[in-house]
Amino acid sequence: MQPALQKILVVGGNGFIGSAVCRAALRRGYQVTSISSSGRPFQTPKGHTPVWTEKVEWVMADALRPETYSHILPGVSAVVHTLGTLFANTNYKDALRRQDLVGVAGIVLQSLTGTSAGGNPLEEHSNGYETLNRDSAVRVAEAFMTSSDNAEVRHPRPFVYISAEDIFRPVVPAAYIETKRDAEERIERIIKDKTNFRGVYLRPSLVYHPHLRPYTAVMAALLDLSSTVQSKFPKGMATPSELLHRLSHTLIGPPSVLDSIGRALSLPPIHVDQVAEAVCVAVDSGRPDVRGVYGVQEMQDLVT
């Protein structure tokens, strides 16, 4: 490992997952730069700016406009893309930070009923999920892979994309996971035949933090209980998840909402710090073997 020589660029470093990646990377001795639309440092739900943020270079840039950050790319050894949205109404993120359960519930209801409360930042674009979940990642990947390498990294430079497991339907529209998968495929096509780059696609399940997002901890506890109980089922006895998958394949065909629900019931949640640690392993120049898709179990294996 050569952490002192490595500099990583985190796209969306002041967000929930992005900030955890920045913290973990700093602990490992990486130099960290974050780009975001505001360029502001990460703040806690109470509005505090932690001391560690002073060690990060915070830059205002637009992921969809490479000219706003292309000057940074030649000096970095890895890029981590953390931008994304579960709901078309991105106000849910502010509601989570404020611990506004009523606000979050309202946005979930909008998603289930197909209505919109307006004020959606994505409405200025012709597409919604495509903009944050797919296009921003593809645009950054293209810029990164056409940049020169001034970081003197002897191994392939990694592009790490925070994707997701298909566990949120029907609460979250299918467009969420569809654009995530589309982004993975497009980035991999860009990397094809480029031996000096490697793509890493992390697919976390429900990502939680008991303090930063306490409401996620409640759901995480329930899903953890479900996955634990099902793992204890006697061999040969079908679990509820397996029954849902069989029913889906018989009546609907994969992939379906039933598959998504079954996966949610069988996959354990993952702490945001574990996701961040998996990212740090992935960006390590001494781990050129880390490439491709990593689910929850594979991510946990990386950090143990």
Protein backbone atom coordinates (compact mmCIF):
# COMPACT_ATOMS: atom_id res chain seq x y z
CA MET A 1 0.00 0.00 0.00
CA GLN A 2 1.10 3.55 -0.78
CA PRO A 3 -1.62 5.67 0.88
CA ALA A 4 0.55 8.77 1.25
CA LEU A 5 0.97 8.93 -2.53
CA GLN A 6 -2.67 8.40 -3.40
CA LYS A 7 -5.18 11.15 -4.02
CA ILE A 8 -8.81 10.29 -4.61
CA LEU A 9 -11.65 12.34 -6.02
CA VAL A 10 -15.03 11.79 -4.36
CA VAL A 11 -18.00 12.93 -6.41
CA GLY A 12 -20.57 14.05 -3.86
CA GLY A 13 -18.24 13.96 -0.87
CA ASN A 14 -20.54 16.08 1.30
CA GLY A 15 -23.40 13.56 1.08
CA PHE A 16 -24.32 10.65 3.33
CA ILE A 17 -22.14 7.97 1.72
CA GLY A 18 -19.65 10.41 0.21
CA SER A 19 -18.77 11.94 3.57
CA ALA A 20 -18.19 8.49 5.06
CA VAL A 21 -15.83 7.73 2.16
CA CYS A 22 -13.93 10.97 2.78
CA ARG A 23 -13.53 10.20 6.50
CA ALA A 24 -12.37 6.64 5.88
CA ALA A 25 -9.93 7.72 3.18
CA LEU A 26 -8.38 10.37 5.42
CA ARG A 27 -7.86 7.78 8.15
CA ARG A 28 -5.90 5.69 5.66
CA GLY A 29 -3.68 8.62 4.73
CA TYR A 30 -5.19 9.43 1.33
CA GLN A 31 -5.38 12.94 -0.02
CA VAL A 32 -9.05 13.67 -0.66
CA THR A 33 -10.82 16.10 -2.97
CA SER A 34 -14.61 16.35 -3.14
CA ILE A 35 -16.68 17.92 -5.89
CA SER A 36 -20.34 18.83 -5.49
CA SER A 37 -22.81 21.36 -6.82
CA SER A 38 -22.42 23.52 -3.70
CA GLY A 39 -18.75 22.94 -2.95
CA ARG A 40 -19.59 23.15 0.74
CA PRO A 41 -18.06 20.85 3.37
CA PHE A 42 -20.10 18.11 4.97
CA GLN A 43 -22.32 19.16 7.89
CA THR A 44 -23.98 17.03 10.55
CA PRO A 45 -27.80 17.03 10.89
CA LYS A 46 -27.36 19.72 13.57
CA GLY A 47 -25.38 21.92 11.20
CA HIS A 48 -21.93 21.28 12.65
CA THR A 49 -18.83 21.02 10.47
CA PRO A 50 -16.56 18.27 11.85
CA VAL A 51 -12.84 18.91 12.27
CA TRP A 52 -11.92 16.27 9.70
CA THR A 53 -13.51 18.35 6.92
CA GLU A 54 -10.57 20.76 7.15
CA LYS A 55 -8.36 18.09 5.58
CA VAL A 56 -10.56 17.71 2.48
CA GLU A 57 -10.34 19.96 -0.57
CA TRP A 58 -13.95 21.00 -1.27
CA VAL A 59 -14.59 22.09 -4.85
CA MET A 60 -17.75 23.41 -6.51
CA ALA A 61 -18.32 21.57 -9.78
CA ASP A 62 -21.05 20.03 -11.93
CA ALA A 63 -20.60 16.31 -12.58
CA LEU A 64 -22.41 16.73 -15.90
CA ARG A 65 -19.92 19.41 -17.03
CA PRO A 66 -16.38 17.96 -17.11
CA GLU A 67 -14.87 21.37 -17.81
CA THR A 68 -15.65 22.30 -14.18
CA TYR A 69 -13.43 19.54 -12.75
CA SER A 70 -11.27 18.12 -15.56
CA HIS A 71 -8.24 20.01 -14.22
CA ILE A 72 -8.37 17.85 -11.08
CA LEU A 73 -8.42 14.45 -12.80
CA PRO A 74 -4.77 14.12 -13.94
CA GLY A 75 -3.64 14.34 -10.32
CA VAL A 76 -5.89 11.66 -8.84
CA SER A 77 -5.27 7.92 -8.65
CA ALA A 78 -8.93 6.97 -8.21
CA VAL A 79 -12.44 8.39 -8.58
CA VAL A 80 -15.41 7.45 -6.38
CA HIS A 81 -18.89 8.35 -7.62
CA THR A 82 -21.46 8.55 -4.81
CA LEU A 83 -24.20 10.68 -6.36
CA GLY A 84 -27.65 9.15 -6.65
CA THR A 85 -31.27 9.46 -5.64
CA LEU A 86 -33.84 6.95 -4.40
CA PHE A 87 -36.80 9.18 -5.21
CA ALA A 88 -37.51 11.62 -8.03
CA ASN A 89 -38.28 14.15 -5.30
CA THR A 90 -34.80 14.63 -3.87
CA ASN A 91 -36.18 16.64 -0.94
CA TYR A 92 -36.24 13.34 0.94
CA LYS A 93 -32.53 13.80 1.67
CA ASP A 94 -33.15 17.08 3.47
CA ALA A 95 -36.06 15.48 5.34
CA LEU A 96 -33.79 12.65 6.50
CA ARG A 97 -31.15 15.11 7.68
CA ARG A 98 -33.80 17.05 9.62
CA GLN A 99 -35.16 13.77 10.99
CA ASP A 100 -38.54 14.79 9.59
CA LEU A 101 -40.44 11.49 9.58
CA VAL A 102 -43.64 13.10 8.31
CA GLY A 103 -41.78 14.68 5.39
CA VAL A 104 -40.10 11.39 4.47
CA ALA A 105 -43.43 9.53 4.69
CA GLY A 106 -45.04 12.09 2.39
CA ILE A 107 -42.35 11.64 -0.25
CA VAL A 108 -42.65 7.84 -0.02
CA LEU A 109 -46.41 8.18 -0.51
CA GLN A 110 -45.82 10.37 -3.57
CA SER A 111 -43.59 7.67 -5.00
CA LEU A 112 -46.15 4.92 -4.39
CA THR A 113 -49.01 6.93 -5.89
CA GLY A 114 -47.02 8.43 -8.74
CA THR A 115 -47.70 12.02 -7.67
CA SER A 116 -45.24 14.88 -7.24
CA ALA A 117 -45.09 17.69 -4.73
CA GLY A 118 -42.99 19.87 -7.03
CA GLY A 119 -39.75 21.60 -6.15
CA ASN A 120 -37.76 18.72 -7.57
CA PRO A 121 -34.27 19.79 -8.67
CA LEU A 122 -34.25 17.04 -11.28
CA GLU A 123 -37.24 18.53 -13.11
CA GLU A 124 -34.95 20.99 -14.87
CA HIS A 125 -33.58 18.03 -16.83
CA SER A 126 -35.48 16.01 -19.42
CA ASN A 127 -34.90 12.85 -17.41
CA GLY A 128 -35.02 12.29 -13.66
CA TYR A 129 -33.23 9.25 -12.29
CA GLU A 130 -31.14 9.14 -15.43
CA THR A 131 -29.48 12.44 -14.55
CA LEU A 132 -28.07 11.60 -11.11
CA ASN A 133 -27.92 7.81 -11.14
CA ARG A 134 -26.62 7.29 -14.66
CA ASP A 135 -25.59 10.33 -16.70
CA SER A 136 -23.50 12.01 -14.00
CA ALA A 137 -21.52 8.82 -13.41
CA VAL A 138 -20.98 8.12 -17.10
CA ARG A 139 -19.88 11.69 -17.74
CA VAL A 140 -17.33 11.62 -14.90
CA ALA A 141 -16.07 8.20 -16.02
CA GLU A 142 -15.55 9.43 -19.56
CA ALA A 143 -13.64 12.47 -18.34
CA PHE A 144 -11.51 10.40 -15.96
CA MET A 145 -10.58 7.83 -18.58
CA THR A 146 -9.53 10.43 -21.12
CA SER A 147 -7.38 12.32 -18.61
CA SER A 148 -3.63 11.97 -18.42
CA ASP A 149 -2.08 10.21 -15.42
CA ASN A 150 0.14 12.50 -13.40
CA ALA A 151 -0.30 10.48 -10.22
CA GLU A 152 2.37 7.92 -11.25
CA VAL A 153 0.23 4.96 -10.27
CA ARG A 154 1.70 1.72 -11.54
CA HIS A 155 -1.56 -0.20 -11.38
CA PRO A 156 -4.89 0.41 -13.15
CA ARG A 157 -6.66 3.52 -11.85
CA PRO A 158 -10.02 2.54 -10.34
CA PHE A 159 -13.38 4.16 -10.97
CA VAL A 160 -15.67 3.14 -8.10
CA TYR A 161 -19.41 3.49 -8.66
CA ILE A 162 -21.81 3.24 -5.73
CA SER A 163 -24.62 1.19 -7.21
CA ALA A 164 -27.29 -0.70 -5.23
CA GLU A 165 -28.97 -4.03 -4.65
CA ASP A 166 -32.46 -4.38 -6.11
CA ILE A 167 -34.35 -4.32 -2.79
CA PHE A 168 -36.40 -1.13 -2.77
CA ARG A 169 -39.30 -1.89 -5.09
CA PRO A 170 -42.26 -1.22 -4.96
CA VAL A 171 -41.61 1.67 -2.54
CA VAL A 172 -39.04 3.07 -4.96
CA PRO A 173 -39.83 3.10 -8.71
CA ALA A 174 -38.11 0.54 -10.93
CA ALA A 175 -36.34 3.43 -12.70
CA TYR A 176 -34.02 3.70 -9.69
CA ILE A 177 -32.44 0.28 -10.08
CA GLU A 178 -32.73 0.33 -13.88
CA THR A 179 -30.62 3.48 -14.14
CA LYS A 180 -28.09 2.07 -11.67
CA ARG A 181 -27.65 -1.06 -13.79
CA ASP A 182 -27.54 0.99 -16.97
CA ALA A 183 -24.75 3.11 -15.48
CA GLU A 184 -22.73 0.00 -14.57
CA GLU A 185 -23.01 -1.35 -18.10
CA ARG A 186 -22.12 1.95 -19.77
CA ILE A 187 -19.11 2.55 -17.54
CA GLU A 188 -17.86 -0.97 -18.17
CA ARG A 189 -18.15 -0.41 -21.93
CA ILE A 190 -16.04 2.75 -21.56
CA ILE A 191 -13.38 0.81 -19.61
CA LYS A 192 -13.31 -2.09 -22.05
CA ASP A 193 -9.85 -2.51 -23.59
CA LYS A 194 -8.40 0.18 -21.26
CA THR A 195 -5.80 -1.75 -19.30
CA ASN A 196 -4.86 1.32 -17.24
CA PHE A 197 -8.32 1.57 -15.64
CA ARG A 198 -10.60 -0.76 -13.72
CA GLY A 199 -14.27 -0.47 -12.78
CA VAL A 200 -15.60 -1.39 -9.35
CA TYR A 201 -19.35 -1.48 -8.77
CA LEU A 202 -20.45 -1.69 -5.15
CA ARG A 203 -24.04 -2.79 -4.57
CA PRO A 204 -25.00 -2.10 -0.94
CA SER A 205 -28.37 -3.08 0.47
CA LEU A 206 -30.04 -0.66 2.90
CA VAL A 207 -27.28 1.70 4.05
CA TYR A 208 -27.82 2.96 7.59
CA HIS A 209 -26.31 5.02 10.37
CA PRO A 210 -28.00 5.14 13.82
CA HIS A 211 -27.00 8.77 14.50
CA LEU A 212 -26.81 10.53 11.15
CA ARG A 213 -29.99 8.85 9.90
CA PRO A 214 -31.77 7.29 12.90
CA TYR A 215 -34.87 6.30 10.92
CA THR A 216 -32.76 4.07 8.70
CA ALA A 217 -31.59 2.23 11.82
CA VAL A 218 -35.14 1.09 12.60
CA MET A 219 -35.61 -0.42 9.16
CA ALA A 220 -32.09 -1.85 9.29
CA ALA A 221 -32.88 -3.66 12.54
CA LEU A 222 -35.99 -5.24 11.00
CA LEU A 223 -34.19 -6.33 7.84
CA ASP A 224 -31.26 -7.67 9.85
CA LEU A 225 -33.68 -9.73 11.94
CA SER A 226 -35.35 -11.06 8.80
CA SER A 227 -32.07 -12.08 7.16
CA THR A 228 -30.83 -13.68 10.39
CA VAL A 229 -34.02 -15.69 10.92
CA GLN A 230 -34.03 -16.94 7.34
CA SER A 231 -30.39 -17.97 7.57
CA LYS A 232 -31.39 -20.27 10.45
CA PHE A 233 -34.06 -22.13 8.47
CA PRO A 234 -33.47 -25.91 8.35
CA LYS A 235 -31.80 -27.14 5.20
CA GLY A 236 -34.39 -28.10 2.63
CA MET A 237 -37.07 -25.79 4.01
CA ALA A 238 -37.92 -22.89 1.72
CA THR A 239 -37.53 -19.46 3.29
CA PRO A 240 -40.07 -16.66 2.66
CA SER A 241 -37.54 -15.08 0.28
CA GLU A 242 -37.18 -18.28 -1.72
CA LEU A 243 -40.94 -18.65 -1.93
CA LEU A 244 -41.27 -15.13 -3.27
CA HIS A 245 -38.59 -15.79 -5.90
CA ARG A 246 -40.33 -19.02 -6.98
CA LEU A 247 -43.70 -17.28 -7.16
CA SER A 248 -42.16 -14.49 -9.21
CA HIS A 249 -40.55 -16.87 -11.68
CA THR A 250 -43.77 -18.87 -12.01
CA LEU A 251 -46.29 -16.05 -12.38
CA ILE A 252 -44.36 -13.02 -13.58
CA GLY A 253 -40.83 -13.81 -14.59
CA PRO A 254 -37.67 -12.11 -13.32
CA PRO A 255 -36.92 -9.46 -12.46
CA SER A 256 -40.07 -8.44 -10.64
CA VAL A 257 -41.28 -6.63 -7.53
CA LEU A 258 -41.55 -10.00 -5.78
CA ASP A 259 -37.88 -10.68 -6.48
CA SER A 260 -37.00 -7.28 -5.03
CA ILE A 261 -39.03 -7.90 -1.87
CA GLY A 262 -37.54 -11.36 -1.45
CA ARG A 263 -34.04 -9.96 -1.80
CA ALA A 264 -34.78 -7.25 0.76
CA LEU A 265 -35.93 -9.86 3.28
CA SER A 266 -32.82 -12.02 2.85
CA LEU A 267 -30.02 -9.45 2.56
CA PRO A 268 -28.64 -7.86 5.73
CA PRO A 269 -28.37 -4.05 5.86
CA ILE A 270 -24.92 -2.49 5.80
CA HIS A 271 -23.50 0.35 7.89
CA VAL A 272 -22.34 3.36 5.89
CA ASP A 273 -18.86 3.04 7.41
CA GLN A 274 -18.58 -0.50 6.03
CA VAL A 275 -19.43 0.81 2.58
CA ALA A 276 -16.74 3.46 2.99
CA GLU A 277 -14.14 0.90 4.07
CA ALA A 278 -14.98 -1.26 1.06
CA VAL A 279 -14.43 1.80 -1.14
CA CYS A 280 -11.02 2.38 0.45
CA VAL A 281 -9.96 -1.18 -0.29
CA ALA A 282 -11.21 -0.80 -3.87
CA VAL A 283 -9.23 2.40 -4.51
CA ASP A 284 -6.00 1.04 -3.03
CA SER A 285 -3.40 0.96 -5.80
CA GLY A 286 -2.06 -2.22 -4.24
CA ARG A 287 -5.34 -4.05 -4.89
CA PRO A 288 -5.59 -4.27 -8.68
CA ASP A 289 -7.51 -7.52 -8.18
CA VAL A 290 -10.56 -5.60 -6.94
CA ARG A 291 -12.75 -5.05 -9.98
CA GLY A 292 -16.27 -5.82 -11.13
CA VAL A 293 -19.47 -6.15 -9.10
CA TYR A 294 -19.48 -6.53 -5.31
CA GLY A 295 -22.66 -7.35 -3.42
CA VAL A 296 -23.18 -7.00 0.32
CA GLN A 297 -21.36 -10.20 1.29
CA GLU A 298 -18.44 -9.48 -1.05
CA MET A 299 -18.15 -5.93 0.33
CA GLN A 300 -18.02 -7.27 3.88
CA ASP A 301 -15.39 -9.80 2.83
CA LEU A 302 -13.25 -6.95 1.47
CA VAL A 303 -13.05 -5.26 4.85
CA THR A 304 -12.54 -8.35 7.04
